Amino acid sequence: MTPSALVLDFGGVISKTLFETHNLSEDALGLPRGTLDWKGPFDPSTDPLWREMQAGKISERDYWYRRARETGTLAGETWDDLPPFLAAIRGNDPAAVIRPEALTAIDRAKSAGCKLAILSNELDLFYGPEFRTKLPFLASFDLIVDATYTGILKPDPRAFAFATEGLRIPAANCVFVDDQKRNVDGAVAAGMRAVLFDVRNPARSYAEALGHLGLAPET
């Protein structure tokens, strides 16, 4: 059975990670280049907090709340919530940090008649609901499931059920893409095909996902 839906995580998969945009963040905050030295998946050996998150000792939300507070201290701000942190370091143009590979894959899947969904643990929690109006490509999606409102975080099986029930297709028809292994494992357990997104090589990860949809690489 050829899958007929592409289900994407948002942060890291559709948008670039904060680790990739430290220079932009430092410029926005007026900090010297090199101030933000946490590199997450790009150099786990230098980021003990990331390693704790990967080991399941803290949640992804915990990780980013800690980074928000730390960065706020450096910038002379008090950020106890994520939207002000994201707004300050990414400015008023969230489109600038959307992966071009994501837009290409979304367009190809949509053009091929595939359904599109976002399944995110943090979408509006991180960015605030108003940011969606600045990303017109979101109109291409048939469904957006955001744990900000459902309260059910991946890899809970219920999170994947929200996607399949919302799309009205079986799990086996879905290709799920996420940059966190535990979420990919959860998708596989739910019956989906899944791709572990490599933030260091987004083009390859999207090519793998499109391949599962029966869409050959562009030449």
Protein backbone atom coordinates (compact mmCIF):
# COMPACT_ATOMS: atom_id res chain seq x y z
CA MET A 1 0.00 0.00 0.00
CA THR A 2 1.50 3.34 -1.05
CA PRO A 3 1.14 5.95 1.71
CA SER A 4 -1.07 8.90 0.86
CA ALA A 5 -0.38 11.40 3.65
CA LEU A 6 2.68 13.32 4.80
CA VAL A 7 2.63 14.11 8.51
CA LEU A 8 5.33 16.53 9.66
CA ASP A 9 6.68 17.77 12.93
CA PHE A 10 7.18 21.53 12.83
CA GLY A 11 10.21 22.69 14.84
CA GLY A 12 13.40 21.32 13.29
CA VAL A 13 11.59 19.64 10.40
CA ILE A 14 9.72 22.53 8.77
CA SER A 15 11.55 25.34 10.53
CA LYS A 16 15.29 25.48 11.09
CA THR A 17 16.42 24.72 14.61
CA LEU A 18 17.58 27.51 16.87
CA PHE A 19 20.98 25.83 16.87
CA GLU A 20 21.34 26.67 13.17
CA THR A 21 20.46 30.34 13.61
CA HIS A 22 22.61 31.45 16.55
CA ASN A 23 24.14 34.27 14.49
CA LEU A 24 20.68 35.66 13.71
CA SER A 25 19.64 35.33 17.34
CA GLU A 26 22.77 37.05 18.65
CA ASP A 27 22.35 39.89 16.18
CA ALA A 28 18.68 40.31 17.15
CA LEU A 29 19.59 40.44 20.84
CA GLY A 30 22.69 42.60 20.46
CA LEU A 31 24.94 39.85 21.79
CA PRO A 32 28.49 39.20 20.57
CA ARG A 33 28.84 36.41 18.04
CA GLY A 34 29.60 33.11 19.77
CA THR A 35 27.69 33.98 22.95
CA LEU A 36 25.13 31.23 22.40
CA ASP A 37 27.27 28.10 22.55
CA TRP A 38 24.66 25.34 23.00
CA LYS A 39 24.59 23.28 19.83
CA GLY A 40 22.23 20.38 20.56
CA PRO A 41 22.35 17.72 17.84
CA PHE A 42 25.11 19.53 15.98
CA ASP A 43 27.56 18.90 18.82
CA PRO A 44 25.96 16.98 21.71
CA SER A 45 29.31 16.75 23.52
CA THR A 46 29.11 20.49 24.28
CA ASP A 47 25.46 20.47 25.38
CA PRO A 48 24.84 18.46 28.59
CA LEU A 49 21.28 19.73 28.80
CA TRP A 50 20.54 18.35 25.33
CA ARG A 51 21.98 15.01 26.35
CA GLU A 52 19.68 14.97 29.39
CA MET A 53 16.71 15.57 27.10
CA GLN A 54 17.78 12.84 24.71
CA ALA A 55 18.14 10.46 27.65
CA GLY A 56 14.55 11.22 28.72
CA LYS A 57 15.58 12.94 31.97
CA ILE A 58 13.87 16.18 30.96
CA SER A 59 11.24 16.95 28.31
CA GLU A 60 11.81 18.95 25.15
CA ARG A 61 9.71 21.70 26.67
CA ASP A 62 11.93 21.70 29.77
CA TYR A 63 14.98 22.09 27.57
CA TRP A 64 13.63 25.14 25.79
CA TYR A 65 12.26 26.79 28.92
CA ARG A 66 15.77 26.55 30.40
CA ARG A 67 17.32 28.01 27.27
CA ALA A 68 14.76 30.82 27.23
CA ARG A 69 15.57 31.79 30.81
CA GLU A 70 19.32 31.59 30.23
CA THR A 71 19.19 33.62 27.04
CA GLY A 72 16.94 36.18 28.70
CA THR A 73 19.48 36.67 31.46
CA LEU A 74 22.19 37.33 28.87
CA ALA A 75 19.95 39.86 27.11
CA GLY A 76 18.75 41.55 30.29
CA GLU A 77 15.24 40.13 29.91
CA THR A 78 13.06 37.82 31.98
CA TRP A 79 11.56 35.15 29.75
CA ASP A 80 9.53 32.59 31.64
CA ASP A 81 7.45 31.71 28.59
CA LEU A 82 8.48 30.67 25.10
CA PRO A 83 6.64 33.03 22.68
CA PRO A 84 8.48 36.18 23.92
CA PHE A 85 11.78 34.30 23.66
CA LEU A 86 11.06 33.12 20.11
CA ALA A 87 9.73 36.51 19.05
CA ALA A 88 12.87 38.24 20.31
CA ILE A 89 15.39 35.94 18.68
CA ARG A 90 13.52 35.28 15.44
CA GLY A 91 11.95 38.67 14.94
CA ASN A 92 8.80 39.35 13.02
CA ASP A 93 9.64 37.23 9.99
CA PRO A 94 9.27 33.54 10.84
CA ALA A 95 9.29 32.76 7.12
CA ALA A 96 13.02 33.52 7.12
CA VAL A 97 13.75 30.35 9.10
CA ILE A 98 11.51 27.96 7.18
CA ARG A 99 13.50 25.26 5.41
CA PRO A 100 13.31 25.61 1.61
CA GLU A 101 13.49 21.80 1.43
CA ALA A 102 10.29 21.68 3.49
CA LEU A 103 8.43 24.01 1.14
CA THR A 104 9.54 21.95 -1.86
CA ALA A 105 8.43 18.68 -0.26
CA ILE A 106 5.10 20.13 0.85
CA ASP A 107 4.41 21.41 -2.66
CA ARG A 108 5.35 18.10 -4.29
CA ALA A 109 3.21 16.05 -1.91
CA LYS A 110 0.25 18.37 -2.32
CA SER A 111 0.58 18.39 -6.11
CA ALA A 112 0.61 14.57 -6.07
CA GLY A 113 -2.70 14.51 -4.22
CA CYS A 114 -1.32 13.54 -0.82
CA LYS A 115 -2.92 14.80 2.36
CA LEU A 116 -0.79 17.00 4.60
CA ALA A 117 -0.75 17.31 8.38
CA ILE A 118 1.39 18.85 11.07
CA LEU A 119 1.70 16.95 14.34
CA SER A 120 3.54 19.17 16.81
CA ASN A 121 4.15 19.16 20.54
CA GLU A 122 4.81 22.88 20.73
CA LEU A 123 3.57 24.90 17.78
CA ASP A 124 1.61 27.75 19.36
CA LEU A 125 3.25 27.23 22.77
CA PHE A 126 6.58 28.15 21.21
CA TYR A 127 5.57 30.77 18.71
CA GLY A 128 2.20 32.14 19.77
CA PRO A 129 -0.91 31.69 17.59
CA GLU A 130 -0.45 34.94 15.67
CA PHE A 131 2.65 33.67 13.89
CA ARG A 132 0.55 31.36 11.70
CA THR A 133 -0.77 34.35 9.78
CA LYS A 134 2.81 35.06 8.68
CA LEU A 135 3.27 31.63 7.11
CA PRO A 136 0.90 31.37 4.14
CA PHE A 137 2.12 27.88 3.19
CA LEU A 138 0.26 26.52 6.23
CA ALA A 139 -2.93 26.89 4.20
CA SER A 140 -1.75 23.85 2.21
CA PHE A 141 -2.25 21.60 5.25
CA ASP A 142 -5.41 19.60 5.71
CA LEU A 143 -4.85 19.27 9.45
CA ILE A 144 -2.73 20.80 12.22
CA VAL A 145 -2.61 18.92 15.52
CA ASP A 146 -0.93 20.97 18.24
CA ALA A 147 -0.36 19.64 21.75
CA THR A 148 -0.56 23.22 22.98
CA TYR A 149 -4.32 22.58 22.86
CA THR A 150 -4.73 18.79 22.97
CA GLY A 151 -2.40 18.38 25.94
CA ILE A 152 -1.22 15.06 24.46
CA LEU A 153 2.48 14.96 23.64
CA LYS A 154 4.21 12.67 21.17
CA PRO A 155 5.09 9.83 21.49
CA ASP A 156 1.80 9.14 23.26
CA PRO A 157 -0.24 6.90 20.90
CA ARG A 158 -3.19 9.27 21.27
CA ALA A 159 -1.21 12.03 19.54
CA PHE A 160 -0.83 9.92 16.41
CA ALA A 161 -4.48 8.93 16.61
CA PHE A 162 -5.45 12.61 16.43
CA ALA A 163 -3.65 12.77 13.08
CA THR A 164 -5.08 9.62 11.56
CA GLU A 165 -8.60 10.33 12.77
CA GLY A 166 -8.41 13.94 11.62
CA LEU A 167 -7.20 12.91 8.17
CA ARG A 168 -9.65 9.98 8.11
CA ILE A 169 -7.05 7.55 6.84
CA PRO A 170 -5.32 4.53 8.42
CA ALA A 171 -1.93 4.88 10.07
CA ALA A 172 -0.37 2.68 7.38
CA ASN A 173 -1.16 5.39 4.82
CA CYS A 174 0.90 7.99 6.69
CA VAL A 175 4.55 8.92 6.38
CA PHE A 176 5.59 10.67 9.58
CA VAL A 177 8.72 12.86 9.84
CA ASP A 178 10.24 14.00 13.14
CA ASP A 179 13.71 14.91 14.39
CA GLN A 180 13.28 13.12 17.74
CA LYS A 181 13.85 9.36 17.74
CA ARG A 182 11.35 8.65 20.50
CA ASN A 183 8.63 10.31 18.41
CA VAL A 184 9.63 8.31 15.34
CA ASP A 185 9.52 5.14 17.43
CA GLY A 186 6.04 6.14 18.63
CA ALA A 187 4.85 6.64 15.07
CA VAL A 188 6.14 3.21 14.03
CA ALA A 189 4.38 1.66 17.03
CA ALA A 190 1.20 3.41 15.89
CA GLY A 191 1.51 1.78 12.47
CA MET A 192 2.94 4.65 10.44
CA ARG A 193 5.96 4.66 8.20
CA ALA A 194 8.42 7.07 9.74
CA VAL A 195 11.55 9.03 8.89
CA LEU A 196 14.01 10.21 11.52
CA PHE A 197 14.77 13.70 10.25
CA ASP A 198 18.45 14.62 10.22
CA VAL A 199 18.68 18.36 10.86
CA ARG A 200 22.22 18.20 9.47
CA ASN A 201 20.96 16.91 6.11
CA PRO A 202 17.37 18.06 5.53
CA ALA A 203 17.44 17.38 1.79
CA ARG A 204 18.23 13.71 2.30
CA SER A 205 15.54 13.33 4.95
CA TYR A 206 12.87 14.89 2.75
CA ALA A 207 13.97 12.75 -0.19
CA GLU A 208 13.46 9.68 1.99
CA ALA A 209 9.99 10.82 3.03
CA LEU A 210 8.94 11.58 -0.53
CA GLY A 211 10.29 8.21 -1.60
CA HIS A 212 7.89 6.53 0.82
CA LEU A 213 5.11 8.44 -0.90
CA GLY A 214 6.19 7.05 -4.24
CA LEU A 215 7.57 10.39 -5.41
CA ALA A 216 10.90 9.97 -7.16
CA PRO A 217 13.65 12.54 -6.52
CA GLU A 218 13.55 15.55 -8.81
CA THR A 219 16.18 15.55 -11.54
